Amino acid sequence: MTLYIIGLGLEGAASMQQRALAAIKKCSSIFIEIYTSGSRDNLIDGLEKETGKKIILLPREKVEQSRIILNSARTSETAFLVQGDALTATTHNQVRFDALEEGINVVVMENSSIITAVPGYLGLEVYKMGQVVSLPYVSEKFFPRSPYDKILANLERGLHSLILLDITESGYMSVTEARDIISRMNARFGGKLDLATLKVAVVHAYGTSYQSARYGTLEKLCSAHYTENPSTLVIPGKLDYNEQEFISHFES
């Protein structure tokens, strides 16, 4: 039996590869996990219509345990669908490792990822991207320094910072919330960012009909209207001429 770990890309059924579609149609069980992107417009309905298969949505904790996926793959052809790229998230790679440890054949089908799509959309060179930053919600009991240090390290090297905003059961972190958290980190950890002048790009709802991009100071970007979809921030490092020309088209 085979476990197919399939990246759906950034537009659901519209960006599914033909070989992935053929693999899904062979499977008895199809699972999907969309924690990192949240619920897209009729994503599962569209996939079920395209494949003619029932698709089971798994919460993140079920994927982390991986047992329901592995039990299925031990006895029947099984697909595990992932929004974006198949193996960008550590959790999805762990499913592959667990399956291989149990002697299950694994086939990985890659696709596009927000990690590379957003910089390209803004006209930034992918090879100049620094460490990816995950920005969490903070509290007095949980106030990590690592996101701030990664941003500083990237800027010191002239590299661009892709910042993934946290997701909770109640929804997505807003641009305003992200600004407030970065401001609090800046105040707590040395004030090395000049947030009044720092230019930032926001790519909102990438891969949906609500997609937009804006470039400016965080304060200006917070005043824009955003829909109930995830946003991604990019803090550019040292921009070359072409990058500066391209990203300026999104300036607000």
Protein backbone atom coordinates (compact mmCIF):
# COMPACT_ATOMS: atom_id res chain seq x y z
CA MET A 1 0.00 0.00 0.00
CA THR A 2 1.08 3.60 -0.58
CA LEU A 3 0.69 6.87 1.29
CA TYR A 4 0.57 9.85 -1.07
CA ILE A 5 1.51 13.14 0.59
CA ILE A 6 0.21 15.74 -1.82
CA GLY A 7 0.78 19.48 -1.88
CA LEU A 8 -2.27 21.31 -3.21
CA GLY A 9 -0.52 24.55 -3.99
CA LEU A 10 -2.13 27.86 -3.17
CA GLU A 11 -5.43 27.69 -5.02
CA GLY A 12 -6.95 24.36 -3.98
CA ALA A 13 -8.38 22.28 -6.80
CA ALA A 14 -7.32 24.90 -9.36
CA SER A 15 -3.62 24.36 -8.63
CA MET A 16 -3.70 20.58 -8.21
CA GLN A 17 -1.32 18.66 -10.46
CA GLN A 18 -2.75 16.09 -12.83
CA ARG A 19 -0.60 13.31 -11.38
CA ALA A 20 -1.91 14.20 -7.93
CA LEU A 21 -5.49 14.05 -9.18
CA ALA A 22 -4.82 10.61 -10.69
CA ALA A 23 -3.30 9.39 -7.40
CA ILE A 24 -6.25 10.63 -5.34
CA LYS A 25 -8.73 8.86 -7.59
CA LYS A 26 -6.93 5.56 -6.81
CA CYS A 27 -7.17 6.03 -3.05
CA SER A 28 -9.73 4.58 -0.68
CA SER A 29 -9.11 7.18 2.02
CA ILE A 30 -8.26 10.87 1.55
CA PHE A 31 -7.37 13.13 4.46
CA ILE A 32 -6.68 16.86 4.41
CA GLU A 33 -5.10 19.27 6.88
CA ILE A 34 -5.35 23.04 6.37
CA TYR A 35 -4.24 24.39 9.74
CA THR A 36 -1.54 26.68 8.37
CA SER A 37 -3.84 28.30 5.84
CA GLY A 38 -7.22 28.02 7.47
CA SER A 39 -10.41 27.36 5.55
CA ARG A 40 -10.30 28.60 1.96
CA ASP A 41 -13.38 29.38 -0.13
CA ASN A 42 -15.16 26.06 -0.57
CA LEU A 43 -11.78 24.29 -0.61
CA ILE A 44 -12.95 20.83 0.41
CA ASP A 45 -16.15 21.04 -1.63
CA GLY A 46 -14.13 21.96 -4.69
CA LEU A 47 -11.68 19.12 -4.17
CA GLU A 48 -14.48 16.59 -3.66
CA LYS A 49 -16.18 17.76 -6.84
CA GLU A 50 -12.91 17.56 -8.79
CA THR A 51 -11.89 14.13 -7.49
CA GLY A 52 -15.26 12.48 -6.91
CA LYS A 53 -13.99 11.38 -3.49
CA LYS A 54 -15.02 12.04 0.10
CA ILE A 55 -12.29 14.03 1.85
CA ILE A 56 -11.86 13.88 5.63
CA LEU A 57 -10.66 17.03 7.39
CA LEU A 58 -8.17 16.32 10.19
CA PRO A 59 -7.40 18.77 13.00
CA ARG A 60 -3.73 19.51 13.60
CA GLU A 61 -3.54 17.31 16.72
CA LYS A 62 -4.73 14.26 14.74
CA VAL A 63 -2.05 14.91 12.12
CA GLU A 64 0.63 15.26 14.80
CA GLN A 65 -0.35 11.88 16.22
CA SER A 66 -0.44 10.54 12.62
CA ARG A 67 -2.01 7.23 13.67
CA ILE A 68 -5.26 7.62 11.74
CA ILE A 69 -3.30 8.28 8.54
CA LEU A 70 -0.84 5.44 9.09
CA ASN A 71 -3.53 2.90 9.99
CA SER A 72 -5.30 3.68 6.74
CA ALA A 73 -2.10 3.55 4.66
CA ARG A 74 -1.17 0.12 6.06
CA THR A 75 -4.27 -1.46 4.52
CA SER A 76 -5.30 0.73 1.58
CA GLU A 77 -4.10 3.39 -0.83
CA THR A 78 -4.27 6.64 1.14
CA ALA A 79 -3.77 10.31 0.32
CA PHE A 80 -2.85 13.08 2.75
CA LEU A 81 -3.54 16.50 1.25
CA VAL A 82 -1.70 19.60 2.41
CA GLN A 83 -2.38 23.21 1.48
CA GLY A 84 0.67 24.69 -0.25
CA ASP A 85 3.79 22.54 -0.45
CA ALA A 86 3.75 18.94 0.75
CA LEU A 87 6.68 19.01 3.16
CA THR A 88 7.35 22.61 4.19
CA ALA A 89 5.79 22.06 7.63
CA THR A 90 7.70 19.91 10.12
CA THR A 91 4.43 18.20 11.07
CA HIS A 92 3.91 16.89 7.54
CA ASN A 93 7.49 15.70 7.28
CA GLN A 94 6.97 13.79 10.53
CA VAL A 95 4.04 11.93 8.99
CA ARG A 96 6.39 10.83 6.18
CA PHE A 97 9.07 9.71 8.64
CA ASP A 98 6.54 7.79 10.74
CA ALA A 99 5.20 6.03 7.66
CA LEU A 100 8.67 5.04 6.45
CA GLU A 101 9.52 3.74 9.93
CA GLU A 102 6.53 1.40 9.66
CA GLY A 103 7.52 0.17 6.22
CA ILE A 104 4.79 2.08 4.37
CA ASN A 105 5.63 3.18 0.85
CA VAL A 106 5.48 6.98 0.58
CA VAL A 107 5.13 9.10 -2.56
CA VAL A 108 5.53 12.86 -2.17
CA MET A 109 4.02 15.26 -4.70
CA GLU A 110 5.32 18.81 -4.25
CA ASN A 111 3.57 22.05 -5.16
CA SER A 112 3.92 25.82 -4.72
CA SER A 113 4.37 27.31 -1.25
CA ILE A 114 3.72 30.67 0.37
CA ILE A 115 7.40 30.58 1.35
CA THR A 116 8.49 31.16 -2.25
CA ALA A 117 5.30 32.57 -3.80
CA VAL A 118 5.05 35.72 -1.67
CA PRO A 119 8.63 36.97 -2.23
CA GLY A 120 8.30 36.28 -5.95
CA TYR A 121 4.98 38.12 -6.11
CA LEU A 122 6.61 41.17 -4.51
CA GLY A 123 9.54 41.02 -6.93
CA LEU A 124 12.06 40.02 -4.27
CA GLU A 125 14.92 37.65 -5.02
CA VAL A 126 14.30 34.30 -3.35
CA TYR A 127 18.02 33.69 -2.80
CA LYS A 128 18.08 36.83 -0.62
CA MET A 129 15.46 35.49 1.80
CA GLY A 130 16.70 35.03 5.35
CA GLN A 131 15.32 32.85 8.14
CA VAL A 132 11.55 32.46 8.03
CA VAL A 133 9.94 34.05 11.08
CA SER A 134 6.83 32.70 12.81
CA LEU A 135 5.19 35.48 14.82
CA PRO A 136 3.14 34.08 17.72
CA TYR A 137 0.63 35.70 20.01
CA VAL A 138 2.45 36.70 23.19
CA SER A 139 1.60 37.09 26.85
CA GLU A 140 3.54 37.81 30.02
CA LYS A 141 4.02 34.05 30.46
CA PHE A 142 4.94 33.46 26.82
CA PHE A 143 7.08 36.14 25.24
CA PRO A 144 9.71 34.52 22.96
CA ARG A 145 12.65 36.57 21.73
CA SER A 146 13.57 34.41 18.73
CA PRO A 147 11.22 36.07 16.18
CA TYR A 148 12.73 39.47 16.97
CA ASP A 149 16.29 38.17 16.85
CA LYS A 150 15.68 36.50 13.48
CA ILE A 151 14.37 39.75 11.99
CA LEU A 152 17.40 41.65 13.27
CA ALA A 153 19.83 38.98 12.03
CA ASN A 154 18.24 39.02 8.58
CA LEU A 155 18.38 42.83 8.36
CA GLU A 156 22.01 42.91 9.49
CA ARG A 157 22.86 40.58 6.60
CA GLY A 158 20.76 42.53 4.11
CA LEU A 159 18.28 39.65 3.81
CA HIS A 160 14.49 39.77 3.54
CA SER A 161 12.33 38.43 6.40
CA LEU A 162 9.19 36.45 5.59
CA ILE A 163 6.91 36.62 8.64
CA LEU A 164 4.15 34.05 9.07
CA LEU A 165 1.40 35.27 11.38
CA ASP A 166 -0.10 33.04 14.06
CA ILE A 167 -3.45 31.28 13.71
CA THR A 168 -5.87 30.36 16.50
CA GLU A 169 -9.24 28.67 16.57
CA SER A 170 -10.86 32.11 16.57
CA GLY A 171 -9.10 33.26 13.42
CA TYR A 172 -5.99 34.80 11.92
CA MET A 173 -3.61 37.31 13.46
CA SER A 174 -4.37 40.69 11.93
CA VAL A 175 -1.82 43.14 10.56
CA THR A 176 -2.60 45.46 13.47
CA GLU A 177 -2.01 42.67 15.99
CA ALA A 178 1.28 41.81 14.26
CA ARG A 179 2.37 45.46 14.45
CA ASP A 180 1.53 45.60 18.17
CA ILE A 181 3.45 42.38 18.91
CA ILE A 182 6.53 43.50 16.96
CA SER A 183 6.36 46.87 18.74
CA ARG A 184 6.21 45.16 22.14
CA MET A 185 9.15 42.93 21.23
CA ASN A 186 11.09 45.96 20.07
CA ALA A 187 10.45 47.76 23.36
CA ARG A 188 11.38 44.71 25.44
CA PHE A 189 14.47 43.59 23.53
CA GLY A 190 16.43 46.74 22.91
CA GLY A 191 14.53 48.97 20.49
CA LYS A 192 16.83 48.23 17.56
CA LEU A 193 14.05 48.55 14.95
CA ASP A 194 12.95 52.03 13.87
CA LEU A 195 9.31 51.11 13.43
CA ALA A 196 8.31 54.63 12.42
CA THR A 197 10.31 54.39 9.19
CA LEU A 198 10.71 50.64 8.65
CA LYS A 199 9.13 49.61 5.33
CA VAL A 200 7.08 46.41 5.34
CA ALA A 201 5.05 44.55 2.72
CA VAL A 202 1.74 42.83 3.43
CA VAL A 203 0.48 40.14 1.07
CA HIS A 204 -3.10 39.36 2.01
CA ALA A 205 -5.21 36.32 1.09
CA TYR A 206 -2.71 34.97 -1.43
CA GLY A 207 -4.30 32.52 -3.87
CA THR A 208 -7.85 33.76 -3.29
CA SER A 209 -10.10 36.26 -5.04
CA TYR A 210 -9.33 38.72 -2.19
CA GLN A 211 -5.57 38.73 -2.84
CA SER A 212 -3.83 42.06 -2.40
CA ALA A 213 -0.39 43.46 -1.63
CA ARG A 214 0.66 46.72 0.04
CA TYR A 215 4.02 48.25 0.87
CA GLY A 216 4.74 51.00 3.37
CA THR A 217 5.26 51.62 7.06
CA LEU A 218 3.43 49.32 9.45
CA GLU A 219 1.29 52.18 10.68
CA LYS A 220 0.05 52.94 7.16
CA LEU A 221 -0.55 49.27 6.40
CA CYS A 222 -2.66 48.86 9.52
CA SER A 223 -5.12 51.47 8.26
CA ALA A 224 -5.98 49.41 5.15
CA HIS A 225 -9.02 47.14 4.95
CA TYR A 226 -8.44 43.38 5.03
CA THR A 227 -10.88 40.50 4.67
CA GLU A 228 -11.17 37.49 7.00
CA ASN A 229 -8.18 35.75 5.37
CA PRO A 230 -4.55 35.27 6.41
CA SER A 231 -1.88 37.87 5.76
CA THR A 232 1.86 37.42 5.39
CA LEU A 233 4.41 40.14 6.21
CA VAL A 234 7.76 40.71 4.54
CA ILE A 235 10.39 43.06 5.91
CA PRO A 236 12.77 43.73 3.01
CA GLY A 237 16.48 43.76 3.64
CA LYS A 238 18.85 45.47 1.21
CA LEU A 239 16.96 46.01 -2.03
CA ASP A 240 18.73 46.08 -5.38
CA TYR A 241 17.49 48.36 -8.15
CA ASN A 242 15.10 45.85 -9.72
CA GLU A 243 13.64 44.81 -6.37
CA GLN A 244 13.09 48.44 -5.38
CA GLU A 245 11.40 49.21 -8.69
CA PHE A 246 9.07 46.25 -8.45
CA ILE A 247 8.06 46.48 -4.80
CA SER A 248 7.38 50.22 -5.15
CA HIS A 249 4.35 49.33 -7.32
CA PHE A 250 2.65 48.14 -4.12
CA GLU A 251 3.42 51.27 -2.14
CA SER A 252 0.45 52.80 -0.33
